[in-house]
PDB file of N, CA and C in Angstrom:
ATOM      1  N   MET A   1     151.080 106.708  14.689  1.00  0.00           N
ATOM      2  CA  MET A   1     152.042 105.801  15.271  1.00  0.00           C
ATOM      3  C   MET A   1     151.327 104.977  16.326  1.00  0.00           C
ATOM      4  N   TYR A   2     151.615 103.700  16.351  1.00  0.00           N
ATOM      5  CA  TYR A   2     150.970 102.750  17.244  1.00  0.00           C
ATOM      6  C   TYR A   2     152.059 101.885  17.871  1.00  0.00           C
ATOM      7  N   ASN A   3     152.305 102.043  19.149  1.00  0.00           N
ATOM      8  CA  ASN A   3     153.379 101.306  19.837  1.00  0.00           C
ATOM      9  C   ASN A   3     154.729 101.474  19.146  1.00  0.00           C
ATOM     10  N   PHE A   4     155.108 102.711  18.836  1.00  0.00           N
ATOM     11  CA  PHE A   4     156.377 103.085  18.214  1.00  0.00           C
ATOM     12  C   PHE A   4     156.508 102.608  16.766  1.00  0.00           C
ATOM     13  N   SER A   5     155.458 102.160  16.153  1.00  0.00           N
ATOM     14  CA  SER A   5     155.502 101.717  14.765  1.00  0.00           C
ATOM     15  C   SER A   5     154.121 101.926  14.168  1.00  0.00           C
ATOM     16  N   MET A   6     153.723 101.090  13.199  1.00  0.00           N
ATOM     17  CA  MET A   6     152.388 101.193  12.656  1.00  0.00           C
ATOM     18  C   MET A   6     151.610  99.923  12.948  1.00  0.00           C
ATOM     19  N   HIS A   7     150.305  99.997  12.757  1.00  0.00           N
ATOM     20  CA  HIS A   7     149.422  98.872  13.026  1.00  0.00           C
ATOM     21  C   HIS A   7     149.814  97.683  12.146  1.00  0.00           C
ATOM     22  N   THR A   8     149.629  96.473  12.634  1.00  0.00           N
ATOM     23  CA  THR A   8     150.041  95.276  11.907  1.00  0.00           C
ATOM     24  C   THR A   8     149.335  95.120  10.557  1.00  0.00           C
ATOM     25  N   THR A   9     148.123  95.648  10.428  1.00  0.00           N
ATOM     26  CA  THR A   9     147.429  95.577   9.146  1.00  0.00           C
ATOM     27  C   THR A   9     148.186  96.354   8.082  1.00  0.00           C
ATOM     28  N   LEU A  10     148.667  97.532   8.421  1.00  0.00           N
ATOM     29  CA  LEU A  10     149.459  98.313   7.484  1.00  0.00           C
ATOM     30  C   LEU A  10     150.810  97.662   7.231  1.00  0.00           C
ATOM     31  N   LYS A  11     151.396  97.102   8.263  1.00  0.00           N
ATOM     32  CA  LYS A  11     152.696  96.456   8.121  1.00  0.00           C
ATOM     33  C   LYS A  11     152.615  95.289   7.141  1.00  0.00           C
ATOM     34  N   ALA A  12     151.529  94.532   7.177  1.00  0.00           N
ATOM     35  CA  ALA A  12     151.360  93.383   6.284  1.00  0.00           C
ATOM     36  C   ALA A  12     151.250  93.817   4.822  1.00  0.00           C
ATOM     37  N   CYS A  13     150.737  94.988   4.560  1.00  0.00           N
ATOM     38  CA  CYS A  13     150.592  95.475   3.185  1.00  0.00           C
ATOM     39  C   CYS A  13     151.936  95.762   2.533  1.00  0.00           C
ATOM     40  N   GLY A  14     152.968  95.990   3.298  1.00  0.00           N
ATOM     41  CA  GLY A  14     154.254  96.361   2.742  1.00  0.00           C
ATOM     42  C   GLY A  14     155.160  95.213   2.381  1.00  0.00           C
ATOM     43  N   SER A  15     154.771  93.984   2.656  1.00  0.00           N
ATOM     44  CA  SER A  15     155.629  92.828   2.402  1.00  0.00           C
ATOM     45  C   SER A  15     155.419  92.298   0.987  1.00  0.00           C
ATOM     46  N   MET A  16     156.173  92.846   0.032  1.00  0.00           N
ATOM     47  CA  MET A  16     156.056  92.409  -1.364  1.00  0.00           C
ATOM     48  C   MET A  16     157.441  92.003  -1.853  1.00  0.00           C
ATOM     49  N   TYR A  17     157.780  90.730  -1.666  1.00  0.00           N
ATOM     50  CA  TYR A  17     159.108  90.241  -2.032  1.00  0.00           C
ATOM     51  C   TYR A  17     158.999  89.042  -2.970  1.00  0.00           C
ATOM     52  N   THR A  18     159.995  88.899  -3.818  1.00  0.00           N
ATOM     53  CA  THR A  18     160.109  87.726  -4.681  1.00  0.00           C
ATOM     54  C   THR A  18     161.362  86.966  -4.259  1.00  0.00           C
ATOM     55  N   LYS A  19     161.687  85.907  -4.940  1.00  0.00           N
ATOM     56  CA  LYS A  19     162.898  85.155  -4.620  1.00  0.00           C
ATOM     57  C   LYS A  19     164.147  85.996  -4.835  1.00  0.00           C
ATOM     58  N   GLU A  20     164.058  86.968  -5.740  1.00  0.00           N
ATOM     59  CA  GLU A  20     165.195  87.842  -6.044  1.00  0.00           C
ATOM     60  C   GLU A  20     165.280  89.045  -5.102  1.00  0.00           C
ATOM     61  N   GLY A  21     164.312  89.197  -4.205  1.00  0.00           N
ATOM     62  CA  GLY A  21     164.285  90.338  -3.295  1.00  0.00           C
ATOM     63  C   GLY A  21     163.104  91.235  -3.597  1.00  0.00           C
ATOM     64  N   PRO A  22     163.102  92.456  -3.056  1.00  0.00           N
ATOM     65  CA  PRO A  22     161.966  93.360  -3.289  1.00  0.00           C
ATOM     66  C   PRO A  22     161.864  93.750  -4.754  1.00  0.00           C
ATOM     67  N   GLU A  23     160.632  93.785  -5.236  1.00  0.00           N
ATOM     68  CA  GLU A  23     160.400  94.138  -6.632  1.00  0.00           C
ATOM     69  C   GLU A  23     159.520  95.386  -6.683  1.00  0.00           C
ATOM     70  N   GLY A  24     160.058  96.435  -7.274  1.00  0.00           N
ATOM     71  CA  GLY A  24     159.317  97.685  -7.387  1.00  0.00           C
ATOM     72  C   GLY A  24     158.317  97.647  -8.529  1.00  0.00           C
ATOM     73  N   LEU A  25     157.045  97.452  -8.203  1.00  0.00           N
ATOM     74  CA  LEU A  25     156.002  97.359  -9.216  1.00  0.00           C
ATOM     75  C   LEU A  25     155.314  98.694  -9.479  1.00  0.00           C
ATOM     76  N   ILE A  26     155.454  99.633  -8.562  1.00  0.00           N
ATOM     77  CA  ILE A  26     154.796 100.932  -8.701  1.00  0.00           C
ATOM     78  C   ILE A  26     155.856 101.964  -9.042  1.00  0.00           C
ATOM     79  N   ARG A  27     155.784 102.509 -10.236  1.00  0.00           N
ATOM     80  CA  ARG A  27     156.783 103.488 -10.663  1.00  0.00           C
ATOM     81  C   ARG A  27     156.087 104.786 -11.080  1.00  0.00           C
ATOM     82  N   ASN A  28     156.837 105.877 -11.018  1.00  0.00           N
ATOM     83  CA  ASN A  28     156.346 107.195 -11.422  1.00  0.00           C
ATOM     84  C   ASN A  28     155.111 107.634 -10.640  1.00  0.00           C
ATOM     85  N   LYS A  29     155.070 107.297  -9.361  1.00  0.00           N
ATOM     86  CA  LYS A  29     153.984 107.713  -8.484  1.00  0.00           C
ATOM     87  C   LYS A  29     154.556 108.522  -7.336  1.00  0.00           C
ATOM     88  N   LYS A  30     153.731 109.414  -6.787  1.00  0.00           N
ATOM     89  CA  LYS A  30     154.120 110.234  -5.640  1.00  0.00           C
ATOM     90  C   LYS A  30     153.337 109.756  -4.426  1.00  0.00           C
ATOM     91  N   ALA A  31     154.004 109.684  -3.277  1.00  0.00           N
ATOM     92  CA  ALA A  31     153.354 109.289  -2.033  1.00  0.00           C
ATOM     93  C   ALA A  31     153.430 110.436  -1.037  1.00  0.00           C
ATOM     94  N   TYR A  32     152.343 110.657  -0.342  1.00  0.00           N
ATOM     95  CA  TYR A  32     152.276 111.637   0.737  1.00  0.00           C
ATOM     96  C   TYR A  32     152.026 110.879   2.029  1.00  0.00           C
ATOM     97  N   LEU A  33     152.923 111.034   2.998  1.00  0.00           N
ATOM     98  CA  LEU A  33     152.757 110.393   4.297  1.00  0.00           C
ATOM     99  C   LEU A  33     152.159 111.392   5.271  1.00  0.00           C
ATOM    100  N   ALA A  34     150.984 111.096   5.790  1.00  0.00           N
ATOM    101  CA  ALA A  34     150.355 111.892   6.844  1.00  0.00           C
ATOM    102  C   ALA A  34     150.401 111.044   8.099  1.00  0.00           C
ATOM    103  N   ILE A  35     151.279 111.406   9.026  1.00  0.00           N
ATOM    104  CA  ILE A  35     151.530 110.589  10.206  1.00  0.00           C
ATOM    105  C   ILE A  35     151.008 111.311  11.439  1.00  0.00           C
ATOM    106  N   SER A  36     150.212 110.613  12.234  1.00  0.00           N
ATOM    107  CA  SER A  36     149.643 111.184  13.447  1.00  0.00           C
ATOM    108  C   SER A  36     150.223 110.460  14.662  1.00  0.00           C
ATOM    109  N   THR A  37     150.647 111.222  15.656  1.00  0.00           N
ATOM    110  CA  THR A  37     151.179 110.641  16.884  1.00  0.00           C
ATOM    111  C   THR A  37     150.577 111.359  18.084  1.00  0.00           C
ATOM    112  N   GLY A  38     150.742 110.776  19.254  1.00  0.00           N
ATOM    113  CA  GLY A  38     150.212 111.374  20.467  1.00  0.00           C
ATOM    114  C   GLY A  38     151.180 112.318  21.145  1.00  0.00           C
ATOM    115  N   ASP A  39     152.338 112.552  20.536  1.00  0.00           N
ATOM    116  CA  ASP A  39     153.358 113.424  21.106  1.00  0.00           C
ATOM    117  C   ASP A  39     154.205 113.951  19.955  1.00  0.00           C
ATOM    118  N   VAL A  40     155.172 114.785  20.257  1.00  0.00           N
ATOM    119  CA  VAL A  40     156.065 115.326  19.231  1.00  0.00           C
ATOM    120  C   VAL A  40     157.276 114.407  19.119  1.00  0.00           C
ATOM    121  N   TYR A  41     157.435 113.783  17.942  1.00  0.00           N
ATOM    122  CA  TYR A  41     158.536 112.848  17.722  1.00  0.00           C
ATOM    123  C   TYR A  41     159.515 113.371  16.681  1.00  0.00           C
ATOM    124  N   THR A  42     159.488 114.653  16.403  1.00  0.00           N
ATOM    125  CA  THR A  42     160.370 115.223  15.382  1.00  0.00           C
ATOM    126  C   THR A  42     161.568 115.955  15.972  1.00  0.00           C
ATOM    127  N   THR A  43     161.672 115.987  17.290  1.00  0.00           N
ATOM    128  CA  THR A  43     162.805 116.637  17.953  1.00  0.00           C
ATOM    129  C   THR A  43     163.384 115.696  19.011  1.00  0.00           C
ATOM    130  N   ASP A  44     164.621 115.963  19.417  1.00  0.00           N
ATOM    131  CA  ASP A  44     165.252 115.159  20.465  1.00  0.00           C
ATOM    132  C   ASP A  44     164.494 115.313  21.767  1.00  0.00           C
ATOM    133  N   PRO A  45     164.437 114.341  22.621  1.00  0.00           N
ATOM    134  CA  PRO A  45     165.026 113.010  22.523  1.00  0.00           C
ATOM    135  C   PRO A  45     164.101 111.986  21.850  1.00  0.00           C
ATOM    136  N   MET A  46     162.904 112.375  21.479  1.00  0.00           N
ATOM    137  CA  MET A  46     161.915 111.423  20.965  1.00  0.00           C
ATOM    138  C   MET A  46     162.140 111.008  19.511  1.00  0.00           C
ATOM    139  N   ILE A  47     162.939 111.756  18.772  1.00  0.00           N
ATOM    140  CA  ILE A  47     163.146 111.436  17.351  1.00  0.00           C
ATOM    141  C   ILE A  47     163.736 110.030  17.176  1.00  0.00           C
ATOM    142  N   SER A  48     164.492 109.566  18.147  1.00  0.00           N
ATOM    143  CA  SER A  48     165.141 108.257  18.026  1.00  0.00           C
ATOM    144  C   SER A  48     164.158 107.088  18.156  1.00  0.00           C
ATOM    145  N   VAL A  49     162.942 107.315  18.660  1.00  0.00           N
ATOM    146  CA  VAL A  49     161.969 106.223  18.798  1.00  0.00           C
ATOM    147  C   VAL A  49     160.861 106.287  17.754  1.00  0.00           C
ATOM    148  N   ASP A  50     160.956 107.197  16.801  1.00  0.00           N
ATOM    149  CA  ASP A  50     159.959 107.275  15.735  1.00  0.00           C
ATOM    150  C   ASP A  50     160.415 106.435  14.550  1.00  0.00           C
ATOM    151  N   TYR A  51     159.821 105.261  14.410  1.00  0.00           N
ATOM    152  CA  TYR A  51     160.180 104.350  13.327  1.00  0.00           C
ATOM    153  C   TYR A  51     159.195 104.420  12.165  1.00  0.00           C
ATOM    154  N   THR A  52     158.096 105.111  12.347  1.00  0.00           N
ATOM    155  CA  THR A  52     157.024 105.088  11.364  1.00  0.00           C
ATOM    156  C   THR A  52     157.436 105.664  10.021  1.00  0.00           C
ATOM    157  N   GLU A  53     157.964 106.877   9.992  1.00  0.00           N
ATOM    158  CA  GLU A  53     158.325 107.503   8.718  1.00  0.00           C
ATOM    159  C   GLU A  53     159.415 106.717   7.995  1.00  0.00           C
ATOM    160  N   SER A  54     160.460 106.344   8.717  1.00  0.00           N
ATOM    161  CA  SER A  54     161.551 105.614   8.052  1.00  0.00           C
ATOM    162  C   SER A  54     161.073 104.257   7.543  1.00  0.00           C
ATOM    163  N   TYR A  55     160.185 103.597   8.273  1.00  0.00           N
ATOM    164  CA  TYR A  55     159.660 102.309   7.839  1.00  0.00           C
ATOM    165  C   TYR A  55     158.834 102.467   6.557  1.00  0.00           C
ATOM    166  N   PHE A  56     157.922 103.444   6.545  1.00  0.00           N
ATOM    167  CA  PHE A  56     157.110 103.676   5.351  1.00  0.00           C
ATOM    168  C   PHE A  56     157.971 104.046   4.154  1.00  0.00           C
ATOM    169  N   ARG A  57     158.995 104.857   4.369  1.00  0.00           N
ATOM    170  CA  ARG A  57     159.888 105.226   3.269  1.00  0.00           C
ATOM    171  C   ARG A  57     160.580 103.991   2.687  1.00  0.00           C
ATOM    172  N   LYS A  58     161.055 103.105   3.545  1.00  0.00           N
ATOM    173  CA  LYS A  58     161.718 101.880   3.074  1.00  0.00           C
ATOM    174  C   LYS A  58     160.743 100.986   2.309  1.00  0.00           C
ATOM    175  N   ILE A  59     159.530 100.830   2.832  1.00  0.00           N
ATOM    176  CA  ILE A  59     158.532  99.990   2.169  1.00  0.00           C
ATOM    177  C   ILE A  59     158.153 100.590   0.822  1.00  0.00           C
ATOM    178  N   LEU A  60     157.889 101.890   0.779  1.00  0.00           N
ATOM    179  CA  LEU A  60     157.505 102.533  -0.485  1.00  0.00           C
ATOM    180  C   LEU A  60     158.620 102.432  -1.511  1.00  0.00           C
ATOM    181  N   LYS A  61     159.853 102.644  -1.096  1.00  0.00           N
ATOM    182  CA  LYS A  61     160.974 102.531  -2.033  1.00  0.00           C
ATOM    183  C   LYS A  61     161.131 101.103  -2.526  1.00  0.00           C
ATOM    184  N   SER A  62     160.850 100.121  -1.678  1.00  0.00           N
ATOM    185  CA  SER A  62     160.992  98.731  -2.101  1.00  0.00           C
ATOM    186  C   SER A  62     159.955  98.338  -3.152  1.00  0.00           C
ATOM    187  N   ILE A  63     158.837  99.059  -3.227  1.00  0.00           N
ATOM    188  CA  ILE A  63     157.838  98.749  -4.252  1.00  0.00           C
ATOM    189  C   ILE A  63     157.919  99.727  -5.427  1.00  0.00           C
ATOM    190  N   GLY A  64     158.912 100.607  -5.397  1.00  0.00           N
ATOM    191  CA  GLY A  64     159.172 101.455  -6.545  1.00  0.00           C
ATOM    192  C   GLY A  64     158.813 102.921  -6.414  1.00  0.00           C
ATOM    193  N   VAL A  65     158.206 103.330  -5.303  1.00  0.00           N
ATOM    194  CA  VAL A  65     157.820 104.731  -5.108  1.00  0.00           C
ATOM    195  C   VAL A  65     159.006 105.469  -4.495  1.00  0.00           C
ATOM    196  N   ASN A  66     159.546 106.439  -5.217  1.00  0.00           N
ATOM    197  CA  ASN A  66     160.700 107.182  -4.722  1.00  0.00           C
ATOM    198  C   ASN A  66     160.412 108.645  -4.441  1.00  0.00           C
ATOM    199  N   ASP A  67     159.280 109.156  -4.887  1.00  0.00           N
ATOM    200  CA  ASP A  67     158.901 110.556  -4.668  1.00  0.00           C
ATOM    201  C   ASP A  67     157.965 110.597  -3.459  1.00  0.00           C
ATOM    202  N   ILE A  68     158.550 110.826  -2.273  1.00  0.00           N
ATOM    203  CA  ILE A  68     157.805 110.727  -1.017  1.00  0.00           C
ATOM    204  C   ILE A  68     157.886 112.035  -0.248  1.00  0.00           C
ATOM    205  N   THR A  69     156.729 112.550   0.144  1.00  0.00           N
ATOM    206  CA  THR A  69     156.646 113.771   0.950  1.00  0.00           C
ATOM    207  C   THR A  69     155.936 113.448   2.249  1.00  0.00           C
ATOM    208  N   THR A  70     156.502 113.919   3.362  1.00  0.00           N
ATOM    209  CA  THR A  70     155.863 113.691   4.671  1.00  0.00           C
ATOM    210  C   THR A  70     155.211 114.968   5.133  1.00  0.00           C
TER     211      THR A  70
END
């Protein structure tokens, strides 16, 4: 996690949209998210500021990856 999100280089990789909206080009693939942070963001009160996992899940689903393990 970098400033409550991910680095801009990674963020740019997730923008795959057409005129019709997001197009899932990757199907039948499994994704493993290995997320490193400088603190514990999986329990209250910090869980509300961890956007990394939810962002990656949304991006992966928008390109067709639905089998995601963190």
